[in-house]
Structure formats: C-alpha cells, structure tokens
N, C-alpha and C. Protein backbone atom coordinates (compact mmCIF):
# COMPACT_ATOMS: atom_id res chain seq x y z
N MET A 1 12.89 -5.39 -0.27
CA MET A 1 12.52 -4.03 -0.61
C MET A 1 13.06 -3.10 0.48
N ARG A 2 13.65 -2.04 0.03
CA ARG A 2 14.31 -1.09 0.95
C ARG A 2 13.29 -0.24 1.69
N ILE A 3 13.47 -0.15 3.00
CA ILE A 3 12.69 0.77 3.83
C ILE A 3 13.68 1.59 4.64
N ASP A 4 13.66 2.88 4.43
CA ASP A 4 14.57 3.78 5.14
C ASP A 4 14.03 4.09 6.52
N GLN A 5 14.88 3.89 7.53
CA GLN A 5 14.52 4.22 8.91
C GLN A 5 15.03 5.62 9.25
N GLN A 6 14.16 6.41 9.84
CA GLN A 6 14.51 7.77 10.21
C GLN A 6 14.55 7.90 11.73
N ARG A 7 15.50 8.65 12.23
CA ARG A 7 15.57 8.89 13.68
C ARG A 7 14.50 9.88 14.12
N GLU A 8 14.26 10.89 13.28
CA GLU A 8 13.27 11.89 13.64
C GLU A 8 11.87 11.41 13.23
N GLN A 9 10.86 11.96 13.90
CA GLN A 9 9.47 11.61 13.62
C GLN A 9 9.09 12.14 12.24
N LEU A 10 8.55 11.28 11.39
CA LEU A 10 8.08 11.72 10.08
C LEU A 10 6.71 12.37 10.23
N CYS A 11 6.39 13.28 9.33
CA CYS A 11 5.08 13.92 9.36
C CYS A 11 4.67 14.27 7.94
N TRP A 12 3.37 14.48 7.75
CA TRP A 12 2.84 14.75 6.42
C TRP A 12 3.34 16.09 5.88
N GLU A 13 3.30 17.11 6.71
CA GLU A 13 3.79 18.43 6.28
C GLU A 13 5.29 18.34 6.01
N GLY A 14 5.69 18.69 4.82
CA GLY A 14 7.10 18.64 4.47
C GLY A 14 7.56 17.22 4.15
N HIS A 15 6.62 16.29 4.02
CA HIS A 15 6.94 14.89 3.73
C HIS A 15 7.58 14.81 2.34
N ASP A 16 8.82 14.37 2.26
CA ASP A 16 9.54 14.28 0.99
C ASP A 16 10.23 12.91 0.91
N PRO A 17 9.43 11.87 0.63
CA PRO A 17 9.99 10.51 0.65
C PRO A 17 10.86 10.21 -0.56
N LYS A 18 11.58 9.10 -0.51
CA LYS A 18 12.37 8.61 -1.64
C LYS A 18 11.46 7.74 -2.49
N TRP A 19 11.07 8.27 -3.65
CA TRP A 19 10.06 7.63 -4.49
C TRP A 19 10.66 6.51 -5.34
N SER A 20 9.87 5.46 -5.54
CA SER A 20 10.17 4.39 -6.50
C SER A 20 9.02 4.35 -7.50
N MET A 21 9.31 3.88 -8.71
CA MET A 21 8.31 3.93 -9.78
C MET A 21 7.86 2.52 -10.16
N VAL A 22 6.58 2.42 -10.50
CA VAL A 22 6.02 1.20 -11.07
C VAL A 22 5.47 1.60 -12.44
N ASP A 23 6.07 1.07 -13.51
CA ASP A 23 5.69 1.54 -14.84
C ASP A 23 5.26 0.44 -15.80
N ARG A 24 5.04 -0.78 -15.25
CA ARG A 24 4.59 -1.90 -16.09
C ARG A 24 3.36 -2.53 -15.46
N ASP A 25 2.42 -2.95 -16.31
CA ASP A 25 1.21 -3.58 -15.78
C ASP A 25 1.42 -5.08 -15.60
N TRP A 26 0.37 -5.77 -15.22
CA TRP A 26 0.44 -7.20 -14.91
C TRP A 26 1.04 -8.00 -16.06
N HIS A 27 0.74 -7.58 -17.30
CA HIS A 27 1.17 -8.32 -18.48
C HIS A 27 2.51 -7.82 -19.03
N GLY A 28 3.18 -6.93 -18.30
CA GLY A 28 4.48 -6.44 -18.73
C GLY A 28 4.42 -5.28 -19.70
N GLN A 29 3.22 -4.76 -19.94
CA GLN A 29 3.07 -3.64 -20.85
C GLN A 29 3.40 -2.33 -20.14
N SER A 30 4.03 -1.43 -20.88
CA SER A 30 4.38 -0.13 -20.31
C SER A 30 3.11 0.67 -20.01
N VAL A 31 3.10 1.33 -18.87
CA VAL A 31 1.98 2.18 -18.47
C VAL A 31 2.32 3.62 -18.85
N ALA A 32 1.42 4.28 -19.56
CA ALA A 32 1.69 5.64 -20.05
C ALA A 32 2.01 6.60 -18.92
N VAL A 33 1.28 6.49 -17.82
CA VAL A 33 1.52 7.33 -16.65
C VAL A 33 1.90 6.42 -15.49
N PRO A 34 3.17 6.35 -15.13
CA PRO A 34 3.59 5.46 -14.04
C PRO A 34 3.00 5.87 -12.70
N ALA A 35 2.98 4.93 -11.78
CA ALA A 35 2.62 5.21 -10.39
C ALA A 35 3.91 5.22 -9.58
N THR A 36 3.92 5.95 -8.48
CA THR A 36 5.11 5.99 -7.62
C THR A 36 4.70 5.71 -6.19
N PHE A 37 5.67 5.20 -5.42
CA PHE A 37 5.40 4.89 -4.03
C PHE A 37 6.67 5.07 -3.22
N ALA A 38 6.52 5.13 -1.91
CA ALA A 38 7.65 5.21 -1.00
C ALA A 38 7.27 4.54 0.32
N LEU A 39 8.26 3.88 0.92
CA LEU A 39 8.10 3.29 2.25
C LEU A 39 9.17 3.88 3.15
N GLY A 40 8.77 4.35 4.30
CA GLY A 40 9.70 4.91 5.27
C GLY A 40 9.25 4.54 6.67
N MET A 41 10.14 4.68 7.62
CA MET A 41 9.82 4.27 8.97
C MET A 41 10.49 5.20 9.96
N ASP A 42 9.74 5.62 10.96
CA ASP A 42 10.36 6.32 12.08
C ASP A 42 10.27 5.40 13.30
N ARG A 43 10.43 5.92 14.49
CA ARG A 43 10.46 5.05 15.67
C ARG A 43 9.10 4.44 16.01
N THR A 44 8.01 5.05 15.51
CA THR A 44 6.68 4.60 15.92
C THR A 44 5.77 4.15 14.77
N HIS A 45 6.08 4.55 13.54
CA HIS A 45 5.17 4.28 12.43
C HIS A 45 5.89 3.86 11.16
N LEU A 46 5.21 3.02 10.38
CA LEU A 46 5.60 2.75 9.00
C LEU A 46 4.79 3.69 8.13
N TRP A 47 5.47 4.38 7.21
CA TRP A 47 4.80 5.31 6.30
C TRP A 47 4.75 4.71 4.91
N PHE A 48 3.53 4.69 4.34
CA PHE A 48 3.29 4.21 2.98
C PHE A 48 2.74 5.39 2.19
N SER A 49 3.50 5.81 1.17
CA SER A 49 3.09 6.94 0.35
C SER A 49 2.90 6.48 -1.09
N ALA A 50 1.94 7.06 -1.78
CA ALA A 50 1.66 6.72 -3.17
C ALA A 50 1.27 7.98 -3.92
N ALA A 51 1.57 8.00 -5.23
CA ALA A 51 1.25 9.18 -6.02
C ALA A 51 1.15 8.79 -7.50
N ARG A 52 0.44 9.64 -8.24
CA ARG A 52 0.35 9.45 -9.69
C ARG A 52 -0.05 10.78 -10.32
N GLU A 53 0.47 11.02 -11.51
CA GLU A 53 0.18 12.27 -12.20
C GLU A 53 -0.95 12.07 -13.20
N LYS A 54 -2.07 11.57 -12.70
CA LYS A 54 -3.25 11.36 -13.54
C LYS A 54 -4.47 11.33 -12.63
N CYS A 55 -5.58 11.89 -13.12
CA CYS A 55 -6.82 11.87 -12.34
C CYS A 55 -7.19 10.44 -12.00
N ALA A 56 -7.73 10.25 -10.82
CA ALA A 56 -8.12 8.93 -10.34
C ALA A 56 -9.63 8.85 -10.19
N LEU A 57 -10.16 7.65 -10.40
CA LEU A 57 -11.56 7.38 -10.11
C LEU A 57 -11.61 6.74 -8.74
N ILE A 58 -12.29 7.39 -7.80
CA ILE A 58 -12.33 6.97 -6.40
C ILE A 58 -13.72 6.48 -6.05
N SER A 59 -13.79 5.48 -5.20
CA SER A 59 -15.08 4.95 -4.76
C SER A 59 -15.97 6.08 -4.24
N PRO A 60 -17.24 6.14 -4.69
CA PRO A 60 -18.15 7.18 -4.20
C PRO A 60 -18.45 7.04 -2.71
N ASP A 61 -18.18 5.86 -2.14
CA ASP A 61 -18.42 5.63 -0.72
C ASP A 61 -17.20 5.96 0.14
N ALA A 62 -16.12 6.38 -0.48
CA ALA A 62 -14.86 6.60 0.24
C ALA A 62 -14.75 8.05 0.70
N GLU A 63 -15.01 8.28 1.98
CA GLU A 63 -14.83 9.62 2.55
C GLU A 63 -13.34 9.87 2.73
N PRO A 64 -12.87 11.08 2.43
CA PRO A 64 -11.44 11.36 2.57
C PRO A 64 -10.89 11.01 3.95
N CYS A 65 -9.81 10.25 3.94
CA CYS A 65 -9.06 9.89 5.15
C CYS A 65 -9.87 9.08 6.16
N GLU A 66 -10.90 8.37 5.71
CA GLU A 66 -11.71 7.53 6.57
C GLU A 66 -11.63 6.07 6.12
N PHE A 67 -11.95 5.14 7.01
CA PHE A 67 -11.98 3.72 6.71
C PHE A 67 -13.15 3.45 5.78
N ALA A 68 -12.91 2.71 4.68
CA ALA A 68 -13.97 2.42 3.70
C ALA A 68 -13.71 1.08 3.04
N GLU A 69 -14.77 0.32 2.77
CA GLU A 69 -14.66 -0.98 2.14
C GLU A 69 -14.56 -0.86 0.62
N ALA A 70 -14.12 -1.95 0.00
CA ALA A 70 -14.16 -2.15 -1.45
C ALA A 70 -13.43 -1.07 -2.26
N LEU A 71 -12.36 -0.55 -1.71
CA LEU A 71 -11.60 0.48 -2.44
C LEU A 71 -10.99 -0.07 -3.72
N TRP A 72 -10.73 -1.38 -3.78
CA TRP A 72 -10.07 -2.00 -4.93
C TRP A 72 -10.95 -2.02 -6.18
N ARG A 73 -12.20 -1.65 -6.05
CA ARG A 73 -13.06 -1.56 -7.24
C ARG A 73 -12.79 -0.30 -8.05
N TYR A 74 -11.94 0.55 -7.51
CA TYR A 74 -11.59 1.82 -8.14
C TYR A 74 -10.06 1.98 -8.06
N ASP A 75 -9.56 3.14 -8.40
CA ASP A 75 -8.11 3.37 -8.32
C ASP A 75 -7.65 3.33 -6.87
N VAL A 76 -6.56 2.61 -6.63
CA VAL A 76 -6.08 2.44 -5.26
C VAL A 76 -4.62 1.99 -5.27
N ALA A 77 -3.91 2.34 -4.22
CA ALA A 77 -2.57 1.80 -3.97
C ALA A 77 -2.71 0.79 -2.84
N GLU A 78 -1.92 -0.29 -2.90
CA GLU A 78 -2.03 -1.33 -1.89
C GLU A 78 -0.66 -1.73 -1.36
N LEU A 79 -0.61 -1.94 -0.07
CA LEU A 79 0.60 -2.43 0.59
C LEU A 79 0.27 -3.77 1.22
N PHE A 80 1.09 -4.78 0.92
CA PHE A 80 0.95 -6.10 1.53
C PHE A 80 2.17 -6.35 2.40
N ILE A 81 1.95 -6.85 3.61
CA ILE A 81 3.04 -7.17 4.53
C ILE A 81 2.83 -8.59 5.03
N LYS A 82 3.81 -9.48 4.76
CA LYS A 82 3.74 -10.87 5.20
C LYS A 82 4.54 -11.06 6.48
N ASP A 83 3.94 -11.79 7.40
CA ASP A 83 4.61 -12.13 8.65
C ASP A 83 5.91 -12.87 8.36
N ALA A 84 6.94 -12.57 9.11
CA ALA A 84 8.25 -13.20 8.92
C ALA A 84 8.25 -14.66 9.34
N HIS A 85 7.31 -15.09 10.20
CA HIS A 85 7.36 -16.44 10.77
C HIS A 85 6.12 -17.29 10.51
N SER A 86 5.18 -16.79 9.71
CA SER A 86 3.97 -17.57 9.44
C SER A 86 3.40 -17.16 8.08
N ASP A 87 2.24 -17.72 7.75
CA ASP A 87 1.59 -17.40 6.48
C ASP A 87 0.69 -16.16 6.58
N ARG A 88 0.60 -15.57 7.76
CA ARG A 88 -0.26 -14.39 7.95
C ARG A 88 0.26 -13.21 7.12
N TYR A 89 -0.68 -12.43 6.60
CA TYR A 89 -0.27 -11.19 5.93
C TYR A 89 -1.38 -10.14 6.03
N LEU A 90 -0.97 -8.92 5.85
CA LEU A 90 -1.85 -7.76 5.92
C LEU A 90 -2.01 -7.18 4.52
N GLU A 91 -3.24 -6.82 4.18
CA GLU A 91 -3.49 -6.03 2.97
C GLU A 91 -3.97 -4.66 3.44
N PHE A 92 -3.29 -3.62 2.97
CA PHE A 92 -3.65 -2.25 3.34
C PHE A 92 -3.90 -1.46 2.06
N ASN A 93 -5.11 -0.95 1.90
CA ASN A 93 -5.49 -0.18 0.72
C ASN A 93 -5.51 1.30 1.04
N LEU A 94 -4.99 2.10 0.11
CA LEU A 94 -4.94 3.55 0.27
C LEU A 94 -5.47 4.21 -1.00
N ALA A 95 -6.61 4.88 -0.90
CA ALA A 95 -7.20 5.57 -2.04
C ALA A 95 -6.53 6.93 -2.24
N PRO A 96 -6.63 7.48 -3.45
CA PRO A 96 -6.01 8.79 -3.72
C PRO A 96 -6.51 9.92 -2.82
N ASN A 97 -7.70 9.78 -2.23
CA ASN A 97 -8.21 10.81 -1.33
C ASN A 97 -7.90 10.52 0.15
N GLY A 98 -7.05 9.50 0.39
CA GLY A 98 -6.68 9.16 1.75
C GLY A 98 -7.60 8.17 2.44
N ALA A 99 -8.72 7.79 1.80
CA ALA A 99 -9.56 6.73 2.37
C ALA A 99 -8.72 5.45 2.44
N TRP A 100 -9.01 4.61 3.44
CA TRP A 100 -8.19 3.41 3.60
C TRP A 100 -9.02 2.24 4.09
N TRP A 101 -8.47 1.05 3.88
CA TRP A 101 -9.09 -0.19 4.32
C TRP A 101 -7.97 -1.19 4.58
N SER A 102 -8.20 -2.12 5.47
CA SER A 102 -7.21 -3.17 5.72
C SER A 102 -7.89 -4.45 6.14
N ALA A 103 -7.18 -5.55 5.94
CA ALA A 103 -7.66 -6.85 6.38
C ALA A 103 -6.47 -7.75 6.64
N GLU A 104 -6.63 -8.66 7.60
CA GLU A 104 -5.60 -9.64 7.91
C GLU A 104 -5.99 -10.98 7.30
N PHE A 105 -5.00 -11.69 6.77
CA PHE A 105 -5.21 -12.98 6.13
C PHE A 105 -4.32 -14.02 6.78
N VAL A 106 -4.81 -15.26 6.87
CA VAL A 106 -4.02 -16.37 7.43
C VAL A 106 -3.43 -17.23 6.31
N GLY A 107 -3.80 -16.98 5.08
CA GLY A 107 -3.31 -17.65 3.89
C GLY A 107 -3.87 -16.91 2.70
N PRO A 108 -3.44 -17.24 1.48
CA PRO A 108 -3.92 -16.52 0.31
C PRO A 108 -5.44 -16.44 0.23
N ARG A 109 -5.94 -15.23 0.35
CA ARG A 109 -7.37 -14.89 0.28
C ARG A 109 -8.22 -15.52 1.38
N VAL A 110 -7.59 -15.97 2.46
CA VAL A 110 -8.33 -16.52 3.59
C VAL A 110 -8.27 -15.50 4.72
N ARG A 111 -9.38 -14.81 4.93
CA ARG A 111 -9.44 -13.76 5.95
C ARG A 111 -9.30 -14.34 7.34
N ALA A 112 -8.55 -13.66 8.20
CA ALA A 112 -8.44 -14.05 9.61
C ALA A 112 -9.75 -13.81 10.33
N CYS A 113 -10.50 -12.81 9.85
CA CYS A 113 -11.78 -12.44 10.47
C CYS A 113 -12.66 -11.86 9.37
N THR A 114 -13.91 -12.26 9.31
CA THR A 114 -14.79 -11.75 8.26
C THR A 114 -15.23 -10.32 8.53
N GLU A 115 -15.14 -9.91 9.78
CA GLU A 115 -15.54 -8.55 10.16
C GLU A 115 -14.41 -7.57 9.86
N ASP A 116 -14.75 -6.40 9.33
CA ASP A 116 -13.76 -5.35 9.10
C ASP A 116 -13.46 -4.64 10.42
N ILE A 117 -12.21 -4.72 10.85
CA ILE A 117 -11.80 -4.07 12.09
C ILE A 117 -10.66 -3.10 11.77
N PRO A 118 -10.93 -1.79 11.78
CA PRO A 118 -9.86 -0.83 11.46
C PRO A 118 -8.70 -0.92 12.45
N ILE A 119 -7.50 -0.72 11.93
CA ILE A 119 -6.30 -0.69 12.76
C ILE A 119 -6.32 0.59 13.59
N VAL A 120 -6.18 0.45 14.89
CA VAL A 120 -6.18 1.61 15.78
C VAL A 120 -4.90 2.43 15.55
N GLY A 121 -5.06 3.73 15.39
CA GLY A 121 -3.91 4.62 15.29
C GLY A 121 -3.45 4.93 13.89
N VAL A 122 -4.10 4.36 12.86
CA VAL A 122 -3.74 4.71 11.47
C VAL A 122 -4.18 6.13 11.19
N LYS A 123 -3.31 6.87 10.54
CA LYS A 123 -3.65 8.22 10.06
C LYS A 123 -3.31 8.28 8.58
N THR A 124 -4.18 8.92 7.80
CA THR A 124 -3.93 9.05 6.37
C THR A 124 -4.06 10.51 5.96
N TYR A 125 -3.47 10.81 4.81
CA TYR A 125 -3.37 12.18 4.31
C TYR A 125 -3.48 12.14 2.80
N SER A 126 -3.89 13.26 2.20
CA SER A 126 -3.93 13.32 0.73
C SER A 126 -3.91 14.76 0.25
N LYS A 127 -3.47 14.89 -0.99
CA LYS A 127 -3.56 16.18 -1.67
C LYS A 127 -3.67 15.92 -3.16
N THR A 128 -4.37 16.82 -3.83
CA THR A 128 -4.53 16.73 -5.27
C THR A 128 -4.26 18.09 -5.88
N SER A 129 -4.02 18.09 -7.19
CA SER A 129 -3.84 19.36 -7.89
C SER A 129 -4.84 19.45 -9.03
N ALA A 130 -5.01 20.63 -9.57
CA ALA A 130 -6.00 20.87 -10.62
C ALA A 130 -5.70 20.05 -11.88
N ASP A 131 -4.44 19.71 -12.11
CA ASP A 131 -4.09 18.95 -13.31
C ASP A 131 -4.20 17.43 -13.12
N GLY A 132 -4.72 16.99 -11.97
CA GLY A 132 -4.99 15.58 -11.76
C GLY A 132 -3.98 14.85 -10.90
N TYR A 133 -2.85 15.49 -10.56
CA TYR A 133 -1.85 14.83 -9.71
C TYR A 133 -2.44 14.57 -8.34
N TRP A 134 -2.20 13.37 -7.81
CA TRP A 134 -2.62 13.07 -6.45
C TRP A 134 -1.48 12.42 -5.69
N GLN A 135 -1.50 12.65 -4.39
CA GLN A 135 -0.53 12.02 -3.49
C GLN A 135 -1.26 11.69 -2.20
N ALA A 136 -1.04 10.49 -1.70
CA ALA A 136 -1.66 10.06 -0.44
C ALA A 136 -0.61 9.36 0.40
N ALA A 137 -0.81 9.37 1.70
CA ALA A 137 0.12 8.69 2.60
C ALA A 137 -0.65 8.15 3.80
N ALA A 138 -0.10 7.07 4.34
CA ALA A 138 -0.67 6.47 5.56
C ALA A 138 0.46 6.21 6.54
N SER A 139 0.20 6.50 7.80
CA SER A 139 1.14 6.11 8.86
C SER A 139 0.47 4.99 9.66
N ILE A 140 1.16 3.85 9.73
CA ILE A 140 0.62 2.65 10.37
C ILE A 140 1.47 2.37 11.61
N PRO A 141 0.86 2.23 12.78
CA PRO A 141 1.64 2.02 14.01
C PRO A 141 2.51 0.76 13.94
N LEU A 142 3.79 0.93 14.24
CA LEU A 142 4.71 -0.20 14.28
C LEU A 142 4.34 -1.18 15.39
N SER A 143 3.77 -0.70 16.47
CA SER A 143 3.38 -1.59 17.56
C SER A 143 2.40 -2.66 17.05
N PHE A 144 1.46 -2.27 16.21
CA PHE A 144 0.52 -3.22 15.61
C PHE A 144 1.23 -4.15 14.64
N LEU A 145 2.06 -3.60 13.75
CA LEU A 145 2.74 -4.43 12.75
C LEU A 145 3.67 -5.45 13.40
N LYS A 146 4.34 -5.05 14.46
CA LYS A 146 5.26 -5.97 15.14
C LYS A 146 4.51 -7.04 15.92
N SER A 147 3.44 -6.67 16.60
CA SER A 147 2.71 -7.64 17.41
C SER A 147 1.91 -8.62 16.56
N ASP A 148 1.31 -8.15 15.47
CA ASP A 148 0.45 -9.01 14.66
C ASP A 148 1.17 -9.69 13.50
N PHE A 149 2.29 -9.11 13.05
CA PHE A 149 2.97 -9.63 11.85
C PHE A 149 4.48 -9.77 12.02
N SER A 150 4.99 -9.64 13.23
CA SER A 150 6.44 -9.74 13.49
C SER A 150 7.22 -8.89 12.50
N PHE A 151 6.70 -7.69 12.23
CA PHE A 151 7.30 -6.86 11.19
C PHE A 151 8.73 -6.46 11.54
N GLY A 152 9.61 -6.57 10.54
CA GLY A 152 11.01 -6.20 10.69
C GLY A 152 11.84 -6.88 9.63
N GLN A 153 13.13 -6.95 9.89
CA GLN A 153 14.03 -7.64 8.97
C GLN A 153 13.52 -9.07 8.79
N GLY A 154 13.41 -9.52 7.55
CA GLY A 154 12.90 -10.86 7.28
C GLY A 154 11.43 -10.88 6.86
N SER A 155 10.72 -9.79 7.13
CA SER A 155 9.35 -9.69 6.63
C SER A 155 9.39 -9.58 5.11
N ARG A 156 8.23 -9.82 4.51
CA ARG A 156 8.13 -9.65 3.05
C ARG A 156 7.01 -8.66 2.76
N VAL A 157 7.22 -7.82 1.74
CA VAL A 157 6.22 -6.81 1.39
C VAL A 157 6.04 -6.76 -0.13
N ASN A 158 4.92 -6.19 -0.52
CA ASN A 158 4.69 -5.87 -1.92
C ASN A 158 3.84 -4.61 -1.98
N VAL A 159 4.09 -3.81 -3.00
CA VAL A 159 3.30 -2.62 -3.27
C VAL A 159 2.65 -2.82 -4.63
N THR A 160 1.35 -2.59 -4.68
CA THR A 160 0.59 -2.77 -5.92
C THR A 160 -0.31 -1.55 -6.15
N PHE A 161 -0.76 -1.42 -7.38
CA PHE A 161 -1.70 -0.35 -7.74
C PHE A 161 -2.76 -0.91 -8.65
N ILE A 162 -3.95 -0.38 -8.51
CA ILE A 162 -5.02 -0.55 -9.50
C ILE A 162 -5.29 0.86 -10.02
N VAL A 163 -5.13 1.05 -11.33
CA VAL A 163 -5.24 2.39 -11.92
C VAL A 163 -6.13 2.35 -13.16
N ASP A 164 -6.48 3.55 -13.62
CA ASP A 164 -7.24 3.75 -14.86
C ASP A 164 -8.62 3.11 -14.84
N SER A 165 -9.25 3.08 -13.66
CA SER A 165 -10.62 2.57 -13.56
C SER A 165 -11.53 3.44 -14.43
N PRO A 166 -12.55 2.88 -15.06
CA PRO A 166 -13.06 1.52 -14.88
C PRO A 166 -12.34 0.45 -15.72
N GLU A 167 -11.48 0.84 -16.65
CA GLU A 167 -10.72 -0.14 -17.43
C GLU A 167 -9.41 -0.39 -16.71
N GLN A 168 -9.50 -1.13 -15.63
CA GLN A 168 -8.40 -1.22 -14.68
C GLN A 168 -7.14 -1.87 -15.23
N LYS A 169 -6.02 -1.28 -14.79
CA LYS A 169 -4.70 -1.87 -15.01
C LYS A 169 -4.15 -2.23 -13.63
N PHE A 170 -3.42 -3.33 -13.57
CA PHE A 170 -2.90 -3.86 -12.31
C PHE A 170 -1.38 -3.82 -12.34
N LEU A 171 -0.79 -3.14 -11.36
CA LEU A 171 0.65 -2.96 -11.29
C LEU A 171 1.17 -3.57 -9.99
N SER A 172 2.35 -4.19 -10.06
CA SER A 172 2.95 -4.80 -8.87
C SER A 172 4.45 -4.62 -8.92
N ILE A 173 5.04 -4.22 -7.80
CA ILE A 173 6.50 -4.07 -7.74
C ILE A 173 7.17 -5.45 -7.72
N ALA A 174 6.54 -6.45 -7.09
CA ALA A 174 7.06 -7.83 -7.11
C ALA A 174 6.54 -8.53 -8.36
N ALA A 175 7.36 -9.37 -8.95
CA ALA A 175 6.94 -10.15 -10.11
C ALA A 175 6.03 -11.28 -9.63
N LEU A 176 4.78 -11.23 -10.02
CA LEU A 176 3.80 -12.24 -9.60
C LEU A 176 3.37 -13.05 -10.82
N PRO A 177 3.30 -14.39 -10.68
CA PRO A 177 2.93 -15.22 -11.83
C PRO A 177 1.43 -15.28 -12.04
N GLY A 178 1.05 -15.78 -13.23
CA GLY A 178 -0.36 -16.01 -13.54
C GLY A 178 -0.85 -15.14 -14.67
N ALA A 179 -1.78 -15.68 -15.45
CA ALA A 179 -2.34 -14.94 -16.58
C ALA A 179 -3.32 -13.87 -16.11
N LYS A 180 -4.02 -14.12 -14.99
CA LYS A 180 -4.97 -13.15 -14.46
C LYS A 180 -4.38 -12.49 -13.22
N PRO A 181 -4.60 -11.18 -13.06
CA PRO A 181 -4.06 -10.48 -11.90
C PRO A 181 -4.53 -11.08 -10.57
N ASP A 182 -3.57 -11.35 -9.70
CA ASP A 182 -3.85 -11.86 -8.36
C ASP A 182 -2.73 -11.40 -7.45
N PHE A 183 -3.00 -10.38 -6.65
CA PHE A 183 -1.98 -9.82 -5.75
C PHE A 183 -1.76 -10.69 -4.52
N HIS A 184 -2.64 -11.64 -4.27
CA HIS A 184 -2.56 -12.45 -3.05
C HIS A 184 -1.64 -13.66 -3.25
N GLN A 185 -0.36 -13.38 -3.46
CA GLN A 185 0.65 -14.41 -3.63
C GLN A 185 1.84 -14.08 -2.73
N PRO A 186 1.67 -14.21 -1.41
CA PRO A 186 2.69 -13.74 -0.47
C PRO A 186 4.05 -14.40 -0.62
N GLU A 187 4.09 -15.60 -1.19
CA GLU A 187 5.39 -16.27 -1.35
C GLU A 187 6.30 -15.53 -2.33
N TYR A 188 5.74 -14.61 -3.13
CA TYR A 188 6.53 -13.85 -4.09
C TYR A 188 6.83 -12.42 -3.63
N PHE A 189 6.36 -12.04 -2.45
CA PHE A 189 6.63 -10.69 -1.97
C PHE A 189 8.13 -10.50 -1.77
N LYS A 190 8.56 -9.25 -1.75
CA LYS A 190 9.99 -8.94 -1.63
C LYS A 190 10.41 -8.84 -0.16
N GLU A 191 11.60 -9.31 0.12
CA GLU A 191 12.10 -9.27 1.50
C GLU A 191 12.44 -7.85 1.91
N VAL A 192 12.07 -7.51 3.13
CA VAL A 192 12.33 -6.18 3.67
C VAL A 192 13.82 -6.02 3.97
N GLU A 193 14.34 -4.86 3.59
CA GLU A 193 15.71 -4.49 3.94
C GLU A 193 15.64 -3.14 4.67
N LEU A 194 15.82 -3.18 5.98
CA LEU A 194 15.75 -1.95 6.77
C LEU A 194 17.09 -1.24 6.70
N ILE A 195 17.07 0.03 6.28
CA ILE A 195 18.28 0.82 6.09
C ILE A 195 18.26 1.98 7.07
N GLY A 196 19.39 2.21 7.74
CA GLY A 196 19.51 3.39 8.60
C GLY A 196 19.44 3.06 10.08
C-alpha cells in the first residue's frame, strides 16, 4: 500500500491528502456510499485520514478527539500495522468525531497487554457538515511505530471501516478470507510502499 512521504510537516489545517476509496463490503457487495482514506507521512508522524459522505453513528462514550474503548461497536475507521519482523501488529481505531483507541497484538486477537495504554503523542482531528459528511485524521508518532513495530519498508498495513451502524457493514482494502468478517488476519495485510 502506497504511503506518500512529505518533506514538510503535515498539519490538519489545509490537510489535502491523496484519497483512496473502499466501495465493497466484506461479501463483495457494492456499498451505496463509499468510504475514503489516506495515508501520509512526514518526518515525525504517520497520518491516517478517513472520510465518508454519510451520517455516522458514534459511540455515546466517545468524547471528540479523546481515547475511548469499544469504538468498533459503532461506525469507525481502522488502521492495522504489522511488524516487518514479527507477528506483532497494531490496531488503531478512529471514530468520525476524532475519538481514538489502539491496542498492540502479538498474534491474531492476542493482546500484548490487557490494559489499555494510549500511545503518547497521538493527536486526532475531525470535522462534520450539516449534510452528514465527516472527515477525521490521526497523527501517530513515527518514533513509536518504528520502535514497537519496526515500521517502514516491508511493514504490512490494512485499512478497514465499520459503517452503517447498527446494521453494520464491514469494509477492507485488503482482500481477507472467511464467511464472517474478521479484520485480524495480518498475513493478508498489504505491503507498505514508501514513496517520496
């Protein structure tokens, strides 16, 4: 998966990423309102942006731009990053209002730690419009990604969405097997291609 590297520091104001679209659900059915995402990188942070032109149902416990549990029970965008040299991977959830959650795994659905420990230095942003459009972004420190997940060329990533809650649809940019949705299949994540 392509990640554009920028020489200048990226910021939320004036943020104009190169969007990619996810328009099929887990079962290959077309989604009436596609979701979009972008990945970018500057010298200090990986930027994960997500957007959709439809109202979202957000966890009532999710304060805007704050760490919150169980975001996946509602509409959410998710970024998975697999370590280049081990089975470790990160799950990072981003709600339409900028609320976020993350966890480290040592294997499929095996948490490295049962305690929720927020990543130091994460910043999130969001905006919505009256017609239901939402856009959210997270900047994740590269120092953390490199030290904990050897992030870089050779890493594997996936971007997923859960939309249309409470009748959830599951979207994934990587083709994942199985009759039931399961995003925790790191062996199928896409290899990172750093550009720039």
